[in-house]
Amino acid sequence: AHPRLVDFFQTHGSDFVQVRQSTSEQATRSGGRTSYECFNQFNPKTEAAYKDVIANWAGAYLEMAKMVSEDVARRRGAGGGGGGGGG
């Protein structure tokens, strides 16, 4: 975290922004597991499993992107073109 924001992120933890923690704080937050144990819990252990996860998440992402695109198009059609801009 940026030095000006460390206090904020120490109070409001984030999975995306990390601040240094003491070993006891890390153990408490991770349920007492080591970094290695957490990594193994949340990551595929074999290349085949990795490829399956990538295929699954890539497919889910593309499906969601298609749904969002269709929703935007539908809203534009229903709203008469949406917000044009001046400029």
PDB file of N, CA and C in Angstrom:
ATOM      1  N   ALA A   1       0.844  -1.183   0.000  1.00  0.00           N
ATOM      2  CA  ALA A   1       0.000   0.000   0.000  1.00  0.00           C
ATOM      3  C   ALA A   1       0.882   1.235   0.000  1.00  0.00           C
ATOM      4  N   HIS A   2       0.391   2.256  -0.599  1.00  0.00           N
ATOM      5  CA  HIS A   2       1.096   3.537  -0.595  1.00  0.00           C
ATOM      6  C   HIS A   2       1.211   4.012   0.847  1.00  0.00           C
ATOM      7  N   PRO A   3       2.343   4.604   1.221  1.00  0.00           N
ATOM      8  CA  PRO A   3       2.532   5.015   2.617  1.00  0.00           C
ATOM      9  C   PRO A   3       1.401   5.890   3.175  1.00  0.00           C
ATOM     10  N   ARG A   4       0.802   6.730   2.360  1.00  0.00           N
ATOM     11  CA  ARG A   4      -0.294   7.577   2.846  1.00  0.00           C
ATOM     12  C   ARG A   4      -1.566   6.785   3.115  1.00  0.00           C
ATOM     13  N   LEU A   5      -1.668   5.566   2.566  1.00  0.00           N
ATOM     14  CA  LEU A   5      -2.891   4.778   2.699  1.00  0.00           C
ATOM     15  C   LEU A   5      -2.755   3.579   3.633  1.00  0.00           C
ATOM     16  N   VAL A   6      -1.576   3.382   4.199  1.00  0.00           N
ATOM     17  CA  VAL A   6      -1.332   2.208   5.040  1.00  0.00           C
ATOM     18  C   VAL A   6      -2.331   2.140   6.189  1.00  0.00           C
ATOM     19  N   ASP A   7      -2.554   3.260   6.894  1.00  0.00           N
ATOM     20  CA  ASP A   7      -3.493   3.244   8.019  1.00  0.00           C
ATOM     21  C   ASP A   7      -4.879   2.782   7.584  1.00  0.00           C
ATOM     22  N   PHE A   8      -5.335   3.271   6.448  1.00  0.00           N
ATOM     23  CA  PHE A   8      -6.654   2.888   5.943  1.00  0.00           C
ATOM     24  C   PHE A   8      -6.722   1.382   5.702  1.00  0.00           C
ATOM     25  N   PHE A   9      -5.718   0.832   5.005  1.00  0.00           N
ATOM     26  CA  PHE A   9      -5.772  -0.586   4.663  1.00  0.00           C
ATOM     27  C   PHE A   9      -5.448  -1.495   5.844  1.00  0.00           C
ATOM     28  N   GLN A  10      -4.813  -0.957   6.884  1.00  0.00           N
ATOM     29  CA  GLN A  10      -4.652  -1.756   8.099  1.00  0.00           C
ATOM     30  C   GLN A  10      -5.990  -1.886   8.816  1.00  0.00           C
ATOM     31  N   THR A  11      -6.821  -0.839   8.732  1.00  0.00           N
ATOM     32  CA  THR A  11      -8.139  -0.876   9.347  1.00  0.00           C
ATOM     33  C   THR A  11      -9.136  -1.638   8.487  1.00  0.00           C
ATOM     34  N   HIS A  12      -9.040  -1.460   7.174  1.00  0.00           N
ATOM     35  CA  HIS A  12      -9.972  -2.072   6.224  1.00  0.00           C
ATOM     36  C   HIS A  12      -9.176  -2.994   5.307  1.00  0.00           C
ATOM     37  N   GLY A  13      -8.998  -4.236   5.720  1.00  0.00           N
ATOM     38  CA  GLY A  13      -8.181  -5.182   4.979  1.00  0.00           C
ATOM     39  C   GLY A  13      -8.675  -5.409   3.561  1.00  0.00           C
ATOM     40  N   SER A  14      -7.764  -5.765   2.681  1.00  0.00           N
ATOM     41  CA  SER A  14      -8.082  -6.013   1.278  1.00  0.00           C
ATOM     42  C   SER A  14      -7.265  -7.193   0.789  1.00  0.00           C
ATOM     43  N   ASP A  15      -7.876  -8.001  -0.067  1.00  0.00           N
ATOM     44  CA  ASP A  15      -7.136  -9.092  -0.688  1.00  0.00           C
ATOM     45  C   ASP A  15      -6.250  -8.585  -1.813  1.00  0.00           C
ATOM     46  N   PHE A  16      -6.464  -7.341  -2.239  1.00  0.00           N
ATOM     47  CA  PHE A  16      -5.755  -6.796  -3.385  1.00  0.00           C
ATOM     48  C   PHE A  16      -4.664  -5.814  -2.996  1.00  0.00           C
ATOM     49  N   VAL A  17      -4.765  -5.223  -1.820  1.00  0.00           N
ATOM     50  CA  VAL A  17      -3.754  -4.284  -1.342  1.00  0.00           C
ATOM     51  C   VAL A  17      -3.224  -4.833  -0.035  1.00  0.00           C
ATOM     52  N   GLN A  18      -1.923  -5.048   0.027  1.00  0.00           N
ATOM     53  CA  GLN A  18      -1.350  -5.647   1.214  1.00  0.00           C
ATOM     54  C   GLN A  18      -0.468  -4.652   1.944  1.00  0.00           C
ATOM     55  N   VAL A  19      -0.468  -4.774   3.250  1.00  0.00           N
ATOM     56  CA  VAL A  19       0.445  -4.020   4.099  1.00  0.00           C
ATOM     57  C   VAL A  19       1.205  -5.040   4.930  1.00  0.00           C
ATOM     58  N   ARG A  20       2.368  -4.653   5.377  1.00  0.00           N
ATOM     59  CA  ARG A  20       3.159  -5.578   6.186  1.00  0.00           C
ATOM     60  C   ARG A  20       2.423  -5.879   7.488  1.00  0.00           C
ATOM     61  N   GLN A  21       2.470  -7.144   7.898  1.00  0.00           N
ATOM     62  CA  GLN A  21       1.830  -7.556   9.130  1.00  0.00           C
ATOM     63  C   GLN A  21       2.827  -8.325   9.961  1.00  0.00           C
ATOM     64  N   SER A  22       2.612  -8.329  11.248  1.00  0.00           N
ATOM     65  CA  SER A  22       3.448  -9.149  12.101  1.00  0.00           C
ATOM     66  C   SER A  22       3.106 -10.614  11.849  1.00  0.00           C
ATOM     67  N   THR A  23       3.971 -11.503  12.260  1.00  0.00           N
ATOM     68  CA  THR A  23       3.738 -12.934  12.066  1.00  0.00           C
ATOM     69  C   THR A  23       2.458 -13.374  12.762  1.00  0.00           C
ATOM     70  N   SER A  24       2.186 -12.844  13.959  1.00  0.00           N
ATOM     71  CA  SER A  24       0.973 -13.247  14.674  1.00  0.00           C
ATOM     72  C   SER A  24      -0.274 -12.742  13.963  1.00  0.00           C
ATOM     73  N   GLU A  25      -0.222 -11.539  13.380  1.00  0.00           N
ATOM     74  CA  GLU A  25      -1.363 -11.028  12.617  1.00  0.00           C
ATOM     75  C   GLU A  25      -1.608 -11.885  11.385  1.00  0.00           C
ATOM     76  N   GLN A  26      -0.518 -12.296  10.712  1.00  0.00           N
ATOM     77  CA  GLN A  26      -0.660 -13.138   9.526  1.00  0.00           C
ATOM     78  C   GLN A  26      -1.279 -14.473   9.899  1.00  0.00           C
ATOM     79  N   ALA A  27      -0.837 -15.058  10.997  1.00  0.00           N
ATOM     80  CA  ALA A  27      -1.367 -16.355  11.421  1.00  0.00           C
ATOM     81  C   ALA A  27      -2.840 -16.246  11.772  1.00  0.00           C
ATOM     82  N   THR A  28      -3.228 -15.149  12.422  1.00  0.00           N
ATOM     83  CA  THR A  28      -4.628 -14.954  12.789  1.00  0.00           C
ATOM     84  C   THR A  28      -5.484 -14.785  11.550  1.00  0.00           C
ATOM     85  N   ARG A  29      -5.041 -13.972  10.613  1.00  0.00           N
ATOM     86  CA  ARG A  29      -5.827 -13.697   9.405  1.00  0.00           C
ATOM     87  C   ARG A  29      -5.941 -14.938   8.529  1.00  0.00           C
ATOM     88  N   SER A  30      -4.917 -15.780   8.499  1.00  0.00           N
ATOM     89  CA  SER A  30      -4.923 -16.945   7.620  1.00  0.00           C
ATOM     90  C   SER A  30      -5.419 -18.202   8.337  1.00  0.00           C
ATOM     91  N   GLY A  31      -5.939 -18.062   9.521  1.00  0.00           N
ATOM     92  CA  GLY A  31      -6.436 -19.223  10.253  1.00  0.00           C
ATOM     93  C   GLY A  31      -5.311 -20.111  10.750  1.00  0.00           C
ATOM     94  N   GLY A  32      -4.127 -19.546  10.920  1.00  0.00           N
ATOM     95  CA  GLY A  32      -2.993 -20.303  11.424  1.00  0.00           C
ATOM     96  C   GLY A  32      -2.223 -21.063  10.363  1.00  0.00           C
ATOM     97  N   ARG A  33      -2.616 -20.935   9.100  1.00  0.00           N
ATOM     98  CA  ARG A  33      -1.923 -21.648   8.024  1.00  0.00           C
ATOM     99  C   ARG A  33      -0.708 -20.864   7.555  1.00  0.00           C
ATOM    100  N   THR A  34       0.274 -21.576   7.061  1.00  0.00           N
ATOM    101  CA  THR A  34       1.441 -20.933   6.474  1.00  0.00           C
ATOM    102  C   THR A  34       1.100 -20.453   5.067  1.00  0.00           C
ATOM    103  N   SER A  35       1.948 -19.600   4.526  1.00  0.00           N
ATOM    104  CA  SER A  35       1.746 -19.131   3.154  1.00  0.00           C
ATOM    105  C   SER A  35       1.717 -20.309   2.193  1.00  0.00           C
ATOM    106  N   TYR A  36       2.585 -21.284   2.413  1.00  0.00           N
ATOM    107  CA  TYR A  36       2.644 -22.465   1.551  1.00  0.00           C
ATOM    108  C   TYR A  36       1.328 -23.240   1.598  1.00  0.00           C
ATOM    109  N   GLU A  37       0.767 -23.401   2.799  1.00  0.00           N
ATOM    110  CA  GLU A  37      -0.505 -24.125   2.928  1.00  0.00           C
ATOM    111  C   GLU A  37      -1.636 -23.369   2.233  1.00  0.00           C
ATOM    112  N   CYS A  38      -1.652 -22.048   2.375  1.00  0.00           N
ATOM    113  CA  CYS A  38      -2.681 -21.248   1.699  1.00  0.00           C
ATOM    114  C   CYS A  38      -2.526 -21.356   0.189  1.00  0.00           C
ATOM    115  N   PHE A  39      -1.293 -21.268  -0.300  1.00  0.00           N
ATOM    116  CA  PHE A  39      -1.045 -21.371  -1.735  1.00  0.00           C
ATOM    117  C   PHE A  39      -1.556 -22.706  -2.261  1.00  0.00           C
ATOM    118  N   ASN A  40      -1.245 -23.772  -1.556  1.00  0.00           N
ATOM    119  CA  ASN A  40      -1.693 -25.093  -1.990  1.00  0.00           C
ATOM    120  C   ASN A  40      -3.200 -25.255  -1.927  1.00  0.00           C
ATOM    121  N   GLN A  41      -3.855 -24.585  -1.006  1.00  0.00           N
ATOM    122  CA  GLN A  41      -5.302 -24.686  -0.903  1.00  0.00           C
ATOM    123  C   GLN A  41      -5.996 -24.011  -2.075  1.00  0.00           C
ATOM    124  N   PHE A  42      -5.438 -22.908  -2.551  1.00  0.00           N
ATOM    125  CA  PHE A  42      -6.141 -22.102  -3.542  1.00  0.00           C
ATOM    126  C   PHE A  42      -5.573 -22.206  -4.955  1.00  0.00           C
ATOM    127  N   ASN A  43      -4.614 -23.082  -5.180  1.00  0.00           N
ATOM    128  CA  ASN A  43      -4.014 -23.217  -6.501  1.00  0.00           C
ATOM    129  C   ASN A  43      -3.974 -24.673  -6.924  1.00  0.00           C
ATOM    130  N   PRO A  44      -4.155 -24.937  -8.221  1.00  0.00           N
ATOM    131  CA  PRO A  44      -4.104 -26.318  -8.715  1.00  0.00           C
ATOM    132  C   PRO A  44      -2.725 -26.940  -8.468  1.00  0.00           C
ATOM    133  N   LYS A  45      -2.734 -28.232  -8.214  1.00  0.00           N
ATOM    134  CA  LYS A  45      -1.484 -28.913  -7.865  1.00  0.00           C
ATOM    135  C   LYS A  45      -0.793 -29.573  -9.055  1.00  0.00           C
ATOM    136  N   THR A  46      -1.524 -29.766 -10.161  1.00  0.00           N
ATOM    137  CA  THR A  46      -0.928 -30.404 -11.330  1.00  0.00           C
ATOM    138  C   THR A  46      -1.176 -29.530 -12.561  1.00  0.00           C
ATOM    139  N   GLU A  47      -0.419 -29.769 -13.600  1.00  0.00           N
ATOM    140  CA  GLU A  47      -0.597 -29.022 -14.846  1.00  0.00           C
ATOM    141  C   GLU A  47      -1.994 -29.281 -15.432  1.00  0.00           C
ATOM    142  N   ALA A  48      -2.442 -30.522 -15.357  1.00  0.00           N
ATOM    143  CA  ALA A  48      -3.771 -30.849 -15.885  1.00  0.00           C
ATOM    144  C   ALA A  48      -4.862 -30.095 -15.123  1.00  0.00           C
ATOM    145  N   ALA A  49      -4.735 -30.058 -13.798  1.00  0.00           N
ATOM    146  CA  ALA A  49      -5.718 -29.326 -12.990  1.00  0.00           C
ATOM    147  C   ALA A  49      -5.653 -27.835 -13.307  1.00  0.00           C
ATOM    148  N   TYR A  50      -4.445 -27.312 -13.501  1.00  0.00           N
ATOM    149  CA  TYR A  50      -4.262 -25.903 -13.861  1.00  0.00           C
ATOM    150  C   TYR A  50      -4.977 -25.587 -15.176  1.00  0.00           C
ATOM    151  N   LYS A  51      -4.778 -26.437 -16.165  1.00  0.00           N
ATOM    152  CA  LYS A  51      -5.421 -26.217 -17.470  1.00  0.00           C
ATOM    153  C   LYS A  51      -6.940 -26.292 -17.364  1.00  0.00           C
ATOM    154  N   ASP A  52      -7.444 -27.200 -16.532  1.00  0.00           N
ATOM    155  CA  ASP A  52      -8.894 -27.285 -16.319  1.00  0.00           C
ATOM    156  C   ASP A  52      -9.432 -26.003 -15.688  1.00  0.00           C
ATOM    157  N   VAL A  53      -8.714 -25.487 -14.701  1.00  0.00           N
ATOM    158  CA  VAL A  53      -9.143 -24.256 -14.029  1.00  0.00           C
ATOM    159  C   VAL A  53      -9.135 -23.087 -15.003  1.00  0.00           C
ATOM    160  N   ILE A  54      -8.077 -22.979 -15.810  1.00  0.00           N
ATOM    161  CA  ILE A  54      -7.981 -21.890 -16.787  1.00  0.00           C
ATOM    162  C   ILE A  54      -9.136 -21.976 -17.789  1.00  0.00           C
ATOM    163  N   ALA A  55      -9.403 -23.164 -18.287  1.00  0.00           N
ATOM    164  CA  ALA A  55     -10.497 -23.332 -19.254  1.00  0.00           C
ATOM    165  C   ALA A  55     -11.838 -22.965 -18.618  1.00  0.00           C
ATOM    166  N   ASN A  56     -12.044 -23.392 -17.382  1.00  0.00           N
ATOM    167  CA  ASN A  56     -13.289 -23.107 -16.690  1.00  0.00           C
ATOM    168  C   ASN A  56     -13.469 -21.604 -16.471  1.00  0.00           C
ATOM    169  N   TRP A  57     -12.451 -20.938 -15.933  1.00  0.00           N
ATOM    170  CA  TRP A  57     -12.558 -19.507 -15.642  1.00  0.00           C
ATOM    171  C   TRP A  57     -12.596 -18.674 -16.915  1.00  0.00           C
ATOM    172  N   ALA A  58     -11.849 -19.068 -17.931  1.00  0.00           N
ATOM    173  CA  ALA A  58     -11.885 -18.328 -19.199  1.00  0.00           C
ATOM    174  C   ALA A  58     -13.281 -18.417 -19.807  1.00  0.00           C
ATOM    175  N   GLY A  59     -13.863 -19.608 -19.783  1.00  0.00           N
ATOM    176  CA  GLY A  59     -15.215 -19.778 -20.300  1.00  0.00           C
ATOM    177  C   GLY A  59     -16.233 -18.965 -19.510  1.00  0.00           C
ATOM    178  N   ALA A  60     -16.097 -18.977 -18.186  1.00  0.00           N
ATOM    179  CA  ALA A  60     -17.020 -18.207 -17.348  1.00  0.00           C
ATOM    180  C   ALA A  60     -16.864 -16.714 -17.615  1.00  0.00           C
ATOM    181  N   TYR A  61     -15.641 -16.252 -17.772  1.00  0.00           N
ATOM    182  CA  TYR A  61     -15.394 -14.830 -18.042  1.00  0.00           C
ATOM    183  C   TYR A  61     -16.003 -14.420 -19.387  1.00  0.00           C
ATOM    184  N   LEU A  62     -15.783 -15.231 -20.407  1.00  0.00           N
ATOM    185  CA  LEU A  62     -16.333 -14.900 -21.724  1.00  0.00           C
ATOM    186  C   LEU A  62     -17.860 -14.931 -21.719  1.00  0.00           C
ATOM    187  N   GLU A  63     -18.430 -15.880 -21.003  1.00  0.00           N
ATOM    188  CA  GLU A  63     -19.892 -15.949 -20.897  1.00  0.00           C
ATOM    189  C   GLU A  63     -20.434 -14.698 -20.205  1.00  0.00           C
ATOM    190  N   MET A  64     -19.767 -14.270 -19.121  1.00  0.00           N
ATOM    191  CA  MET A  64     -20.197 -13.073 -18.419  1.00  0.00           C
ATOM    192  C   MET A  64     -20.047 -11.838 -19.313  1.00  0.00           C
ATOM    193  N   ALA A  65     -18.930 -11.744 -20.048  1.00  0.00           N
ATOM    194  CA  ALA A  65     -18.714 -10.603 -20.938  1.00  0.00           C
ATOM    195  C   ALA A  65     -19.812 -10.529 -22.000  1.00  0.00           C
ATOM    196  N   LYS A  66     -20.208 -11.675 -22.526  1.00  0.00           N
ATOM    197  CA  LYS A  66     -21.288 -11.717 -23.513  1.00  0.00           C
ATOM    198  C   LYS A  66     -22.598 -11.242 -22.894  1.00  0.00           C
ATOM    199  N   MET A  67     -22.881 -11.684 -21.669  1.00  0.00           N
ATOM    200  CA  MET A  67     -24.107 -11.276 -20.989  1.00  0.00           C
ATOM    201  C   MET A  67     -24.119  -9.764 -20.731  1.00  0.00           C
ATOM    202  N   VAL A  68     -22.989  -9.225 -20.326  1.00  0.00           N
ATOM    203  CA  VAL A  68     -22.901  -7.786 -20.084  1.00  0.00           C
ATOM    204  C   VAL A  68     -23.111  -7.023 -21.384  1.00  0.00           C
ATOM    205  N   SER A  69     -22.476  -7.488 -22.451  1.00  0.00           N
ATOM    206  CA  SER A  69     -22.613  -6.839 -23.750  1.00  0.00           C
ATOM    207  C   SER A  69     -24.066  -6.852 -24.216  1.00  0.00           C
ATOM    208  N   GLU A  70     -24.738  -7.987 -24.054  1.00  0.00           N
ATOM    209  CA  GLU A  70     -26.142  -8.094 -24.443  1.00  0.00           C
ATOM    210  C   GLU A  70     -27.014  -7.182 -23.593  1.00  0.00           C
ATOM    211  N   ASP A  71     -26.694  -7.079 -22.300  1.00  0.00           N
ATOM    212  CA  ASP A  71     -27.458  -6.213 -21.412  1.00  0.00           C
ATOM    213  C   ASP A  71     -27.278  -4.741 -21.797  1.00  0.00           C
ATOM    214  N   VAL A  72     -26.051  -4.350 -22.100  1.00  0.00           N
ATOM    215  CA  VAL A  72     -25.796  -2.969 -22.522  1.00  0.00           C
ATOM    216  C   VAL A  72     -26.555  -2.663 -23.805  1.00  0.00           C
ATOM    217  N   ALA A  73     -26.509  -3.577 -24.762  1.00  0.00           N
ATOM    218  CA  ALA A  73     -27.216  -3.370 -26.031  1.00  0.00           C
ATOM    219  C   ALA A  73     -28.726  -3.279 -25.801  1.00  0.00           C
ATOM    220  N   ARG A  74     -29.243  -4.127 -24.940  1.00  0.00           N
ATOM    221  CA  ARG A  74     -30.681  -4.118 -24.633  1.00  0.00           C
ATOM    222  C   ARG A  74     -31.077  -2.798 -23.985  1.00  0.00           C
ATOM    223  N   ARG A  75     -30.291  -2.338 -23.047  1.00  0.00           N
ATOM    224  CA  ARG A  75     -30.593  -1.074 -22.374  1.00  0.00           C
ATOM    225  C   ARG A  75     -30.523   0.115 -23.319  1.00  0.00           C
ATOM    226  N   ARG A  76     -29.562   0.085 -24.224  1.00  0.00           N
ATOM    227  CA  ARG A  76     -29.464   1.164 -25.210  1.00  0.00           C
ATOM    228  C   ARG A  76     -30.682   1.167 -26.126  1.00  0.00           C
ATOM    229  N   GLY A  77     -31.122  -0.023 -26.507  1.00  0.00           N
ATOM    230  CA  GLY A  77     -32.299  -0.136 -27.375  1.00  0.00           C
ATOM    231  C   GLY A  77     -33.561   0.337 -26.660  1.00  0.00           C
ATOM    232  N   ALA A  78     -33.669   0.006 -25.377  1.00  0.00           N
ATOM    233  CA  ALA A  78     -34.855   0.389 -24.614  1.00  0.00           C
ATOM    234  C   ALA A  78     -34.825   1.856 -24.222  1.00  0.00           C
ATOM    235  N   GLY A  79     -33.622   2.405 -24.113  1.00  0.00           N
ATOM    236  CA  GLY A  79     -33.503   3.784 -23.634  1.00  0.00           C
ATOM    237  C   GLY A  79     -33.376   4.801 -24.728  1.00  0.00           C
ATOM    238  N   GLY A  80     -33.493   4.388 -25.975  1.00  0.00           N
ATOM    239  CA  GLY A  80     -33.428   5.345 -27.069  1.00  0.00           C
ATOM    240  C   GLY A  80     -32.032   5.843 -27.356  1.00  0.00           C
ATOM    241  N   GLY A  81     -31.042   4.999 -27.136  1.00  0.00           N
ATOM    242  CA  GLY A  81     -29.691   5.399 -27.542  1.00  0.00           C
ATOM    243  C   GLY A  81     -28.772   5.766 -26.399  1.00  0.00           C
ATOM    244  N   GLY A  82     -29.273   5.925 -25.219  1.00  0.00           N
ATOM    245  CA  GLY A  82     -28.402   6.178 -24.090  1.00  0.00           C
ATOM    246  C   GLY A  82     -27.831   7.572 -24.099  1.00  0.00           C
ATOM    247  N   GLY A  83     -26.788   7.750 -23.359  1.00  0.00           N
ATOM    248  CA  GLY A  83     -26.262   9.083 -23.152  1.00  0.00           C
ATOM    249  C   GLY A  83     -25.288   9.513 -24.210  1.00  0.00           C
ATOM    250  N   GLY A  84     -25.665  10.180 -25.158  1.00  0.00           N
ATOM    251  CA  GLY A  84     -24.703  10.742 -26.118  1.00  0.00           C
ATOM    252  C   GLY A  84     -23.887  11.766 -25.396  1.00  0.00           C
ATOM    253  N   GLY A  85     -22.902  12.234 -25.977  1.00  0.00           N
ATOM    254  CA  GLY A  85     -22.113  13.211 -25.266  1.00  0.00           C
ATOM    255  C   GLY A  85     -22.038  14.485 -26.040  1.00  0.00           C
ATOM    256  N   GLY A  86     -21.941  15.537 -25.338  1.00  0.00           N
ATOM    257  CA  GLY A  86     -21.644  16.788 -26.003  1.00  0.00           C
ATOM    258  C   GLY A  86     -20.160  16.872 -26.186  1.00  0.00           C
ATOM    259  N   GLY A  87     -19.713  17.754 -26.965  1.00  0.00           N
ATOM    260  CA  GLY A  87     -18.295  17.761 -26.943  1.00  0.00           C
ATOM    261  C   GLY A  87     -17.676  18.515 -27.940  1.00  0.00           C
TER     262      GLY A  87
END
